[in-house]
């Protein structure tokens, strides 16, 4: 009976590790698509480009960085749709 109990314990630990991994992966995925992440990266882009444009003495150094920021935000909003279509196409080709 000890052998059976050991095996059940091993399986229980394995399931627990899988559940912990799944929770971690779900949290990481939530971060990847979060408003907070998109906002932070947008702010970094805006400030970085703005500071670069100031150093180059460009007119309107804090208006021009809006272009790459909007491009980034637009790409983050369209990528999930494109990804879903690509995955569907990939599955169709490989089935």
N, C-alpha and C. Protein backbone atom coordinates (compact mmCIF):
# COMPACT_ATOMS: atom_id res chain seq x y z
N UNK A 1 0.81 -1.19 0.00
CA UNK A 1 0.00 0.00 0.00
C UNK A 1 0.86 1.26 0.00
N UNK A 2 2.06 1.18 0.58
CA UNK A 2 2.97 2.33 0.61
C UNK A 2 3.33 2.80 -0.80
N UNK A 3 3.54 1.84 -1.69
CA UNK A 3 3.88 2.18 -3.07
C UNK A 3 2.76 2.99 -3.72
N UNK A 4 1.52 2.60 -3.48
CA UNK A 4 0.38 3.30 -4.03
C UNK A 4 0.27 4.71 -3.43
N UNK A 5 0.48 4.82 -2.12
CA UNK A 5 0.43 6.13 -1.46
C UNK A 5 1.53 7.04 -1.98
N UNK A 6 2.72 6.50 -2.19
CA UNK A 6 3.83 7.30 -2.73
C UNK A 6 3.49 7.80 -4.13
N UNK A 7 2.93 6.92 -4.93
CA UNK A 7 2.57 7.30 -6.30
C UNK A 7 1.49 8.40 -6.31
N UNK A 8 0.51 8.27 -5.44
CA UNK A 8 -0.55 9.28 -5.33
C UNK A 8 0.06 10.61 -4.88
N UNK A 9 0.99 10.54 -3.94
CA UNK A 9 1.66 11.76 -3.46
C UNK A 9 2.47 12.42 -4.58
N UNK A 10 3.17 11.61 -5.39
CA UNK A 10 3.94 12.14 -6.52
C UNK A 10 3.01 12.82 -7.52
N UNK A 11 1.92 12.15 -7.84
CA UNK A 11 0.95 12.72 -8.79
C UNK A 11 0.34 14.01 -8.23
N UNK A 12 0.06 14.01 -6.96
CA UNK A 12 -0.51 15.19 -6.33
C UNK A 12 0.46 16.37 -6.41
N UNK A 13 1.74 16.13 -6.15
CA UNK A 13 2.76 17.18 -6.26
C UNK A 13 2.91 17.65 -7.70
N UNK A 14 2.84 16.72 -8.65
CA UNK A 14 2.95 17.08 -10.06
C UNK A 14 1.78 17.97 -10.48
N UNK A 15 0.59 17.63 -10.06
CA UNK A 15 -0.59 18.44 -10.38
C UNK A 15 -0.46 19.82 -9.74
N UNK A 16 0.02 19.86 -8.53
CA UNK A 16 0.22 21.13 -7.83
C UNK A 16 1.22 22.02 -8.57
N UNK A 17 2.31 21.44 -9.06
CA UNK A 17 3.31 22.20 -9.83
C UNK A 17 2.70 22.72 -11.14
N UNK A 18 1.90 21.89 -11.79
CA UNK A 18 1.25 22.30 -13.04
C UNK A 18 0.29 23.46 -12.77
N UNK A 19 -0.48 23.38 -11.68
CA UNK A 19 -1.42 24.44 -11.34
C UNK A 19 -0.67 25.74 -11.02
N UNK A 20 0.46 25.65 -10.31
CA UNK A 20 1.27 26.83 -10.01
C UNK A 20 1.81 27.45 -11.29
N UNK A 21 2.29 26.60 -12.20
CA UNK A 21 2.82 27.08 -13.48
C UNK A 21 1.71 27.76 -14.29
N UNK A 22 0.54 27.14 -14.33
CA UNK A 22 -0.58 27.73 -15.07
C UNK A 22 -0.96 29.10 -14.51
N UNK A 23 -0.97 29.22 -13.18
CA UNK A 23 -1.29 30.51 -12.56
C UNK A 23 -0.24 31.56 -12.93
N UNK A 24 1.02 31.16 -12.94
CA UNK A 24 2.11 32.08 -13.30
C UNK A 24 1.99 32.50 -14.77
N UNK A 25 1.71 31.55 -15.65
CA UNK A 25 1.57 31.85 -17.08
C UNK A 25 0.37 32.77 -17.31
N UNK A 26 -0.73 32.52 -16.62
CA UNK A 26 -1.92 33.38 -16.75
C UNK A 26 -1.62 34.80 -16.29
N UNK A 27 -0.87 34.93 -15.19
CA UNK A 27 -0.51 36.26 -14.69
C UNK A 27 0.40 36.98 -15.68
N UNK A 28 1.36 36.26 -16.26
CA UNK A 28 2.26 36.86 -17.23
C UNK A 28 1.50 37.29 -18.49
N UNK A 29 0.56 36.49 -18.92
CA UNK A 29 -0.25 36.83 -20.09
C UNK A 29 -1.12 38.06 -19.79
N UNK A 30 -1.68 38.11 -18.59
CA UNK A 30 -2.48 39.26 -18.20
C UNK A 30 -1.63 40.54 -18.21
N UNK A 31 -0.38 40.43 -17.76
CA UNK A 31 0.53 41.58 -17.78
C UNK A 31 0.82 42.00 -19.21
N UNK A 32 1.05 41.05 -20.09
CA UNK A 32 1.39 41.36 -21.48
C UNK A 32 0.29 42.17 -22.17
N UNK A 33 -0.95 41.97 -21.79
CA UNK A 33 -2.06 42.65 -22.45
C UNK A 33 -2.67 43.73 -21.57
N UNK A 34 -2.04 44.05 -20.44
CA UNK A 34 -2.63 44.99 -19.49
C UNK A 34 -2.50 46.44 -19.94
N UNK A 35 -3.46 47.24 -19.51
CA UNK A 35 -3.45 48.68 -19.75
C UNK A 35 -2.23 49.30 -19.07
N UNK A 36 -1.88 48.80 -17.89
CA UNK A 36 -0.72 49.35 -17.16
C UNK A 36 0.56 49.19 -17.97
N UNK A 37 0.79 48.02 -18.53
CA UNK A 37 2.01 47.78 -19.32
C UNK A 37 2.03 48.67 -20.56
N UNK A 38 0.92 48.74 -21.26
CA UNK A 38 0.85 49.56 -22.47
C UNK A 38 1.09 51.03 -22.12
N UNK A 39 0.51 51.48 -21.00
CA UNK A 39 0.69 52.87 -20.57
C UNK A 39 2.13 53.17 -20.20
N UNK A 40 2.77 52.27 -19.46
CA UNK A 40 4.15 52.47 -19.04
C UNK A 40 5.08 52.53 -20.25
N UNK A 41 4.92 51.60 -21.17
CA UNK A 41 5.77 51.59 -22.37
C UNK A 41 5.51 52.84 -23.21
N UNK A 42 4.25 53.25 -23.33
CA UNK A 42 3.93 54.46 -24.08
C UNK A 42 4.59 55.68 -23.45
N UNK A 43 4.56 55.77 -22.13
CA UNK A 43 5.20 56.88 -21.44
C UNK A 43 6.71 56.88 -21.66
N UNK A 44 7.32 55.72 -21.59
CA UNK A 44 8.77 55.61 -21.83
C UNK A 44 9.11 56.06 -23.25
N UNK A 45 8.32 55.61 -24.22
CA UNK A 45 8.55 56.01 -25.61
C UNK A 45 8.41 57.53 -25.74
N UNK A 46 7.33 58.07 -25.18
CA UNK A 46 7.06 59.50 -25.29
C UNK A 46 8.20 60.32 -24.68
N UNK A 47 8.60 59.98 -23.47
CA UNK A 47 9.67 60.73 -22.81
C UNK A 47 11.01 60.56 -23.53
N UNK A 48 11.30 59.34 -23.94
CA UNK A 48 12.57 59.09 -24.63
C UNK A 48 12.67 59.86 -25.93
N UNK A 49 11.63 59.80 -26.74
CA UNK A 49 11.64 60.51 -28.01
C UNK A 49 11.62 62.02 -27.77
N UNK A 50 10.84 62.46 -26.79
CA UNK A 50 10.78 63.88 -26.47
C UNK A 50 12.14 64.42 -26.05
N UNK A 51 12.83 63.70 -25.18
CA UNK A 51 14.17 64.13 -24.74
C UNK A 51 15.16 64.13 -25.90
N UNK A 52 15.06 63.14 -26.76
CA UNK A 52 15.95 63.10 -27.92
C UNK A 52 15.68 64.31 -28.82
N UNK A 53 14.42 64.63 -29.05
CA UNK A 53 14.07 65.76 -29.90
C UNK A 53 14.50 67.09 -29.27
N UNK A 54 14.42 67.19 -27.95
CA UNK A 54 14.92 68.39 -27.26
C UNK A 54 16.42 68.53 -27.51
N UNK A 55 17.15 67.42 -27.38
CA UNK A 55 18.60 67.48 -27.57
C UNK A 55 18.96 67.84 -29.02
N UNK A 56 18.07 67.51 -29.95
CA UNK A 56 18.29 67.87 -31.36
C UNK A 56 17.73 69.25 -31.70
N UNK A 57 17.14 69.90 -30.69
CA UNK A 57 16.55 71.23 -30.86
C UNK A 57 15.47 71.28 -31.95
N UNK A 58 14.64 70.25 -31.95
CA UNK A 58 13.51 70.17 -32.89
C UNK A 58 12.35 70.98 -32.33
N UNK A 59 11.60 71.64 -33.22
CA UNK A 59 10.41 72.37 -32.78
C UNK A 59 9.36 71.38 -32.30
N UNK A 60 8.59 71.79 -31.34
CA UNK A 60 7.51 70.97 -30.75
C UNK A 60 8.01 69.60 -30.29
N UNK A 61 9.03 69.57 -29.45
CA UNK A 61 9.61 68.28 -29.07
C UNK A 61 8.68 67.37 -28.27
N UNK A 62 7.62 67.94 -27.70
CA UNK A 62 6.70 67.08 -26.95
C UNK A 62 5.39 66.83 -27.68
N UNK A 63 5.27 67.34 -28.89
CA UNK A 63 4.12 67.02 -29.73
C UNK A 63 4.50 65.89 -30.69
N UNK A 64 5.66 65.96 -31.26
CA UNK A 64 6.11 64.96 -32.23
C UNK A 64 6.20 63.53 -31.67
N UNK A 65 6.54 63.33 -30.39
CA UNK A 65 6.59 61.95 -29.88
C UNK A 65 5.24 61.25 -29.84
N UNK A 66 4.17 61.99 -30.02
CA UNK A 66 2.85 61.34 -30.01
C UNK A 66 2.70 60.37 -31.18
N UNK A 67 3.41 60.62 -32.26
CA UNK A 67 3.30 59.75 -33.44
C UNK A 67 3.75 58.32 -33.12
N UNK A 68 4.97 58.11 -32.59
CA UNK A 68 5.34 56.72 -32.28
C UNK A 68 4.51 56.12 -31.14
N UNK A 69 4.06 56.96 -30.21
CA UNK A 69 3.22 56.45 -29.12
C UNK A 69 1.89 55.94 -29.68
N UNK A 70 1.27 56.72 -30.54
CA UNK A 70 0.01 56.26 -31.15
C UNK A 70 0.24 55.01 -32.00
N UNK A 71 1.37 54.96 -32.69
CA UNK A 71 1.70 53.77 -33.47
C UNK A 71 1.83 52.53 -32.59
N UNK A 72 2.49 52.70 -31.45
CA UNK A 72 2.64 51.58 -30.51
C UNK A 72 1.28 51.14 -29.97
N UNK A 73 0.47 52.11 -29.54
CA UNK A 73 -0.85 51.76 -28.99
C UNK A 73 -1.70 51.08 -30.05
N UNK A 74 -1.69 51.59 -31.27
CA UNK A 74 -2.45 50.98 -32.36
C UNK A 74 -1.97 49.54 -32.61
N UNK A 75 -0.67 49.34 -32.61
CA UNK A 75 -0.16 47.98 -32.85
C UNK A 75 -0.57 47.04 -31.72
N UNK A 76 -0.57 47.53 -30.48
CA UNK A 76 -0.95 46.68 -29.35
C UNK A 76 -2.43 46.32 -29.40
N UNK A 77 -3.24 47.20 -29.98
CA UNK A 77 -4.67 46.93 -30.06
C UNK A 77 -5.01 46.00 -31.22
N UNK A 78 -4.21 46.02 -32.29
CA UNK A 78 -4.52 45.18 -33.45
C UNK A 78 -3.83 43.83 -33.41
N UNK A 79 -2.73 43.71 -32.67
CA UNK A 79 -2.00 42.44 -32.65
C UNK A 79 -2.83 41.25 -32.17
N UNK A 80 -3.66 41.38 -31.14
CA UNK A 80 -4.47 40.22 -30.74
C UNK A 80 -5.38 39.70 -31.85
N UNK A 81 -5.95 40.60 -32.62
CA UNK A 81 -6.82 40.20 -33.74
C UNK A 81 -6.00 39.47 -34.80
N UNK A 82 -4.86 40.05 -35.15
CA UNK A 82 -3.98 39.44 -36.15
C UNK A 82 -3.47 38.09 -35.65
N UNK A 83 -3.11 38.03 -34.37
CA UNK A 83 -2.61 36.77 -33.79
C UNK A 83 -3.68 35.68 -33.88
N UNK A 84 -4.91 36.03 -33.54
CA UNK A 84 -6.00 35.04 -33.58
C UNK A 84 -6.19 34.49 -34.99
N UNK A 85 -6.16 35.38 -35.98
CA UNK A 85 -6.31 34.94 -37.37
C UNK A 85 -5.13 34.09 -37.82
N UNK A 86 -3.93 34.48 -37.40
CA UNK A 86 -2.74 33.72 -37.78
C UNK A 86 -2.80 32.32 -37.18
N UNK A 87 -3.18 32.21 -35.92
CA UNK A 87 -3.28 30.90 -35.26
C UNK A 87 -4.31 30.02 -35.96
N UNK A 88 -5.46 30.60 -36.32
CA UNK A 88 -6.50 29.84 -37.03
C UNK A 88 -5.96 29.35 -38.37
N UNK A 89 -5.25 30.21 -39.07
CA UNK A 89 -4.66 29.82 -40.36
C UNK A 89 -3.59 28.73 -40.18
N UNK A 90 -2.79 28.88 -39.14
CA UNK A 90 -1.74 27.90 -38.86
C UNK A 90 -2.35 26.53 -38.56
N UNK A 91 -3.37 26.52 -37.73
CA UNK A 91 -4.04 25.25 -37.37
C UNK A 91 -4.67 24.62 -38.61
N UNK A 92 -5.25 25.43 -39.47
CA UNK A 92 -5.89 24.93 -40.68
C UNK A 92 -4.85 24.30 -41.62
N UNK A 93 -3.70 24.95 -41.78
CA UNK A 93 -2.63 24.42 -42.65
C UNK A 93 -2.04 23.13 -42.11
N UNK A 94 -1.98 23.01 -40.79
CA UNK A 94 -1.31 21.87 -40.19
C UNK A 94 -2.26 20.75 -39.76
N UNK A 95 -3.52 20.86 -40.14
CA UNK A 95 -4.43 19.77 -39.76
C UNK A 95 -4.76 18.89 -40.93
